[in-house]
Protein backbone atom coordinates (compact mmCIF):
# COMPACT_ATOMS: atom_id res chain seq x y z
CA UNK A 1 -68.75 33.86 -55.72
CA UNK A 2 -69.21 30.24 -54.27
CA UNK A 3 -71.44 29.34 -57.14
CA UNK A 4 -68.45 30.31 -59.54
CA UNK A 5 -66.01 28.40 -57.46
CA UNK A 6 -68.04 25.48 -57.46
CA UNK A 7 -68.66 25.57 -61.22
CA UNK A 8 -64.97 26.16 -61.69
CA UNK A 9 -64.13 22.98 -59.15
CA UNK A 10 -66.80 20.91 -60.79
CA UNK A 11 -65.24 21.61 -64.35
CA UNK A 12 -61.36 20.92 -62.92
CA UNK A 13 -62.84 17.79 -61.38
CA UNK A 14 -64.53 16.46 -64.67
CA UNK A 15 -61.04 17.23 -66.30
CA UNK A 16 -58.98 15.38 -63.74
CA UNK A 17 -61.27 12.40 -63.94
CA UNK A 18 -61.10 12.45 -67.82
CA UNK A 19 -57.35 12.65 -67.45
CA UNK A 20 -57.66 10.00 -65.08
CA UNK A 21 -59.74 7.57 -67.40
CA UNK A 22 -57.10 8.61 -70.08
CA UNK A 23 -54.17 7.88 -68.17
CA UNK A 24 -55.96 4.13 -67.37
CA UNK A 25 -56.49 3.53 -70.99
CA UNK A 26 -52.88 4.74 -71.68
CA UNK A 27 -51.35 2.29 -69.36
CA UNK A 28 -53.63 -0.50 -70.81
CA UNK A 29 -52.35 0.27 -74.11
CA UNK A 30 -48.92 0.78 -73.33
CA UNK A 31 -49.07 -2.85 -71.30
CA UNK A 32 -50.34 -4.46 -74.96
CA UNK A 33 -48.07 -2.70 -77.02
CA UNK A 34 -45.10 -4.08 -74.48
CA UNK A 35 -46.65 -7.52 -74.77
CA UNK A 36 -46.90 -7.00 -78.37
CA UNK A 37 -43.08 -5.87 -78.63
CA UNK A 38 -41.87 -8.94 -76.14
CA UNK A 39 -43.79 -11.40 -78.33
CA UNK A 40 -42.03 -9.59 -81.73
CA UNK A 41 -38.44 -9.76 -79.79
CA UNK A 42 -38.79 -13.75 -78.75
CA UNK A 43 -40.18 -14.30 -82.38
CA UNK A 44 -36.61 -12.59 -83.89
CA UNK A 45 -34.81 -14.56 -81.46
CA UNK A 46 -35.76 -17.63 -83.62
CA UNK A 47 -34.59 -16.15 -86.61
CA UNK A 48 -30.92 -15.36 -84.56
CA UNK A 49 -31.10 -18.85 -83.51
CA UNK A 50 -31.49 -20.50 -87.05
CA UNK A 51 -29.02 -18.08 -88.78
CA UNK A 52 -26.47 -19.02 -86.08
CA UNK A 53 -26.93 -22.55 -86.57
CA UNK A 54 -26.89 -22.36 -90.37
CA UNK A 55 -23.81 -20.71 -90.16
CA UNK A 56 -22.63 -23.51 -87.27
CA UNK A 57 -22.93 -26.07 -90.10
CA UNK A 58 -21.44 -24.05 -92.78
CA UNK A 59 -18.39 -23.21 -90.66
CA UNK A 60 -18.14 -27.00 -89.76
CA UNK A 61 -18.45 -27.78 -93.69
CA UNK A 62 -15.52 -25.22 -94.02
CA UNK A 63 -13.41 -26.90 -91.57
CA UNK A 64 -14.07 -30.16 -92.58
CA UNK A 65 -12.94 -29.37 -96.12
CA UNK A 66 -9.79 -27.77 -94.85
CA UNK A 67 -8.99 -30.93 -92.50
CA UNK A 68 -9.67 -33.29 -95.50
CA UNK A 69 -7.43 -31.30 -97.73
CA UNK A 70 -4.56 -31.00 -95.24
CA UNK A 71 -5.05 -34.82 -94.75
CA UNK A 72 -4.51 -35.27 -98.70
CA UNK A 73 -1.82 -32.83 -98.56
CA UNK A 74 0.02 -34.88 -95.68
CA UNK A 75 -0.60 -38.23 -97.66
CA UNK A 76 0.72 -36.74 -101.07
CA UNK A 77 3.83 -35.43 -98.76
CA UNK A 78 4.56 -38.95 -97.38
CA UNK A 79 3.97 -40.94 -100.60
CA UNK A 80 6.35 -38.68 -102.61
CA UNK A 81 8.92 -38.70 -99.87
CA UNK A 82 8.95 -42.25 -99.96
CA UNK A 83 8.83 -42.82 -103.66
CA UNK A 84 11.84 -40.22 -104.14
CA UNK A 85 13.76 -42.32 -101.43
CA UNK A 86 13.45 -45.33 -103.01
CA UNK A 87 14.45 -44.25 -106.09
CA UNK A 88 17.61 -42.33 -104.53
CA UNK A 89 18.42 -45.56 -102.70
CA UNK A 90 18.31 -47.74 -106.02
CA UNK A 91 20.61 -45.04 -107.74
CA UNK A 92 23.06 -45.32 -104.82
CA UNK A 93 23.37 -49.05 -104.97
CA UNK A 94 24.56 -48.10 -108.73
CA UNK A 95 27.14 -45.90 -108.04
CA UNK A 96 30.65 -46.62 -108.68
CA UNK A 97 32.60 -44.03 -106.74
CA UNK A 98 32.17 -41.99 -103.11
CA UNK A 99 32.17 -38.76 -105.27
CA UNK A 100 29.29 -39.83 -107.26
CA UNK A 101 27.37 -40.83 -103.97
CA UNK A 102 28.10 -37.47 -102.34
CA UNK A 103 26.76 -35.53 -105.55
CA UNK A 104 23.39 -37.96 -105.22
CA UNK A 105 23.29 -36.89 -101.54
CA UNK A 106 23.65 -33.15 -102.19
CA UNK A 107 20.73 -33.66 -104.65
CA UNK A 108 18.60 -35.44 -102.48
CA UNK A 109 19.01 -32.47 -99.57
CA UNK A 110 18.01 -29.88 -102.41
CA UNK A 111 15.01 -32.04 -103.67
CA UNK A 112 13.85 -32.13 -100.07
CA UNK A 113 14.18 -28.64 -99.71
CA UNK A 114 12.06 -27.68 -102.63
CA UNK A 115 9.57 -30.13 -101.70
CA UNK A 116 9.35 -29.04 -98.16
CA UNK A 117 8.76 -25.24 -99.55
CA UNK A 118 6.25 -26.41 -102.23
CA UNK A 119 4.50 -28.13 -99.29
CA UNK A 120 4.19 -25.43 -97.36
CA UNK A 121 3.00 -23.09 -100.13
CA UNK A 122 0.20 -25.95 -100.47
CA UNK A 123 -0.77 -25.70 -96.93
CA UNK A 124 -1.08 -22.09 -96.88
CA UNK A 125 -3.15 -22.04 -99.81
CA UNK A 126 -5.59 -24.59 -98.38
CA UNK A 127 -5.67 -22.35 -95.00
CA UNK A 128 -6.07 -19.27 -96.82
CA UNK A 129 -9.12 -20.77 -98.72
CA UNK A 130 -10.44 -21.98 -95.23
CA UNK A 131 -10.28 -18.60 -93.99
CA UNK A 132 -11.74 -16.96 -96.61
CA UNK A 133 -14.67 -19.13 -96.72
CA UNK A 134 -15.01 -18.72 -92.67
CA UNK A 135 -15.01 -15.03 -93.32
CA UNK A 136 -17.89 -15.33 -95.65
CA UNK A 137 -19.89 -17.51 -93.30
CA UNK A 138 -19.03 -14.84 -90.67
CA UNK A 139 -19.94 -11.93 -92.73
CA UNK A 140 -23.61 -13.41 -93.76
CA UNK A 141 -23.92 -14.04 -89.90
CA UNK A 142 -23.06 -10.29 -89.15
CA UNK A 143 -25.39 -8.94 -91.50
CA UNK A 144 -28.05 -10.56 -90.19
CA UNK A 145 -26.90 -9.12 -86.69
CA UNK A 146 -26.76 -5.57 -88.41
CA UNK A 147 -30.41 -6.02 -89.26
CA UNK A 148 -31.48 -6.76 -85.79
CA UNK A 149 -29.62 -3.97 -84.34
CA UNK A 150 -31.55 -1.29 -86.83
CA UNK A 151 -34.71 -3.00 -85.37
CA UNK A 152 -33.56 -2.91 -82.04
CA UNK A 153 -33.03 0.86 -82.29
CA UNK A 154 -36.03 1.68 -84.08
CA UNK A 155 -38.15 -0.01 -81.05
CA UNK A 156 -35.77 2.24 -78.57
CA UNK A 157 -37.03 5.38 -80.34
CA UNK A 158 -40.30 4.65 -80.30
CA UNK A 159 -40.23 3.45 -76.24
CA UNK A 160 -38.70 7.10 -75.67
CA UNK A 161 -41.44 8.99 -77.89
CA UNK A 162 -43.92 6.93 -75.87
CA UNK A 163 -42.23 8.06 -72.39
CA UNK A 164 -41.84 11.54 -73.25
CA UNK A 165 -45.77 11.42 -74.22
CA UNK A 166 -46.53 10.05 -70.80
CA UNK A 167 -44.56 12.37 -69.10
CA UNK A 168 -46.20 15.45 -70.58
CA UNK A 169 -49.33 13.74 -69.45
CA UNK A 170 -48.32 13.46 -66.15
CA UNK A 171 -46.93 17.03 -66.09
CA UNK A 172 -50.46 18.42 -67.18
CA UNK A 173 -52.04 16.37 -64.45
CA UNK A 174 -49.72 17.92 -61.87
CA UNK A 175 -50.25 21.53 -63.58
CA UNK A 176 -53.99 20.63 -63.03
CA UNK A 177 -53.79 19.86 -59.41
CA UNK A 178 -51.82 22.82 -58.59
CA UNK A 179 -54.25 25.20 -60.53
CA UNK A 180 -57.31 23.38 -58.27
CA UNK A 181 -55.42 24.01 -54.96
CA UNK A 182 -54.59 27.54 -55.61
CA UNK A 183 -58.11 28.21 -56.67
CA UNK A 184 -59.31 26.59 -53.33
CA UNK A 185 -56.77 28.51 -51.40
CA UNK A 186 -57.91 31.65 -52.99
CA UNK A 187 -61.81 30.76 -52.30
CA UNK A 188 -61.46 29.87 -48.86
CA UNK A 189 -59.75 33.31 -48.14
CA UNK A 190 -62.47 35.51 -49.67
């Protein structure tokens, strides 16, 4: 009986030694894998930084273009207002009656209203174009972020599977130890 018990304990001891060696190898492999994944994440940050830098440059170009168009619009507004005012003043100089002067004033007000409406419409078109261009830049950046998020999710799933495998090895080790204890207790009683 003692021989059988000793043989069983020797087999269990070999199994535990093998399991401990496997566990050590698994820890080293897990550390190496973690180092590789960390390096890959750091490298992926370079891509994100480049993407953000490019999108910043694109947004800068969009905003500069919009500002340039608005400044040109402002120049057009001022020059057209001055030209129209000069024409109307010259026409007023040649009026013969107060009635003609009042009619000209009404025309000036009407044309000023129309000019303001047209200028506002042009400004809105410029701003809408700038917003559309900015949206396109943001969409490009967002697409890159979505791809990075998918990769991150895939890495998480791999980690979860690895953790589950490590837990099952730990449970197997705990079961083996319990079995050895039970056998030792039985052998000690007999």
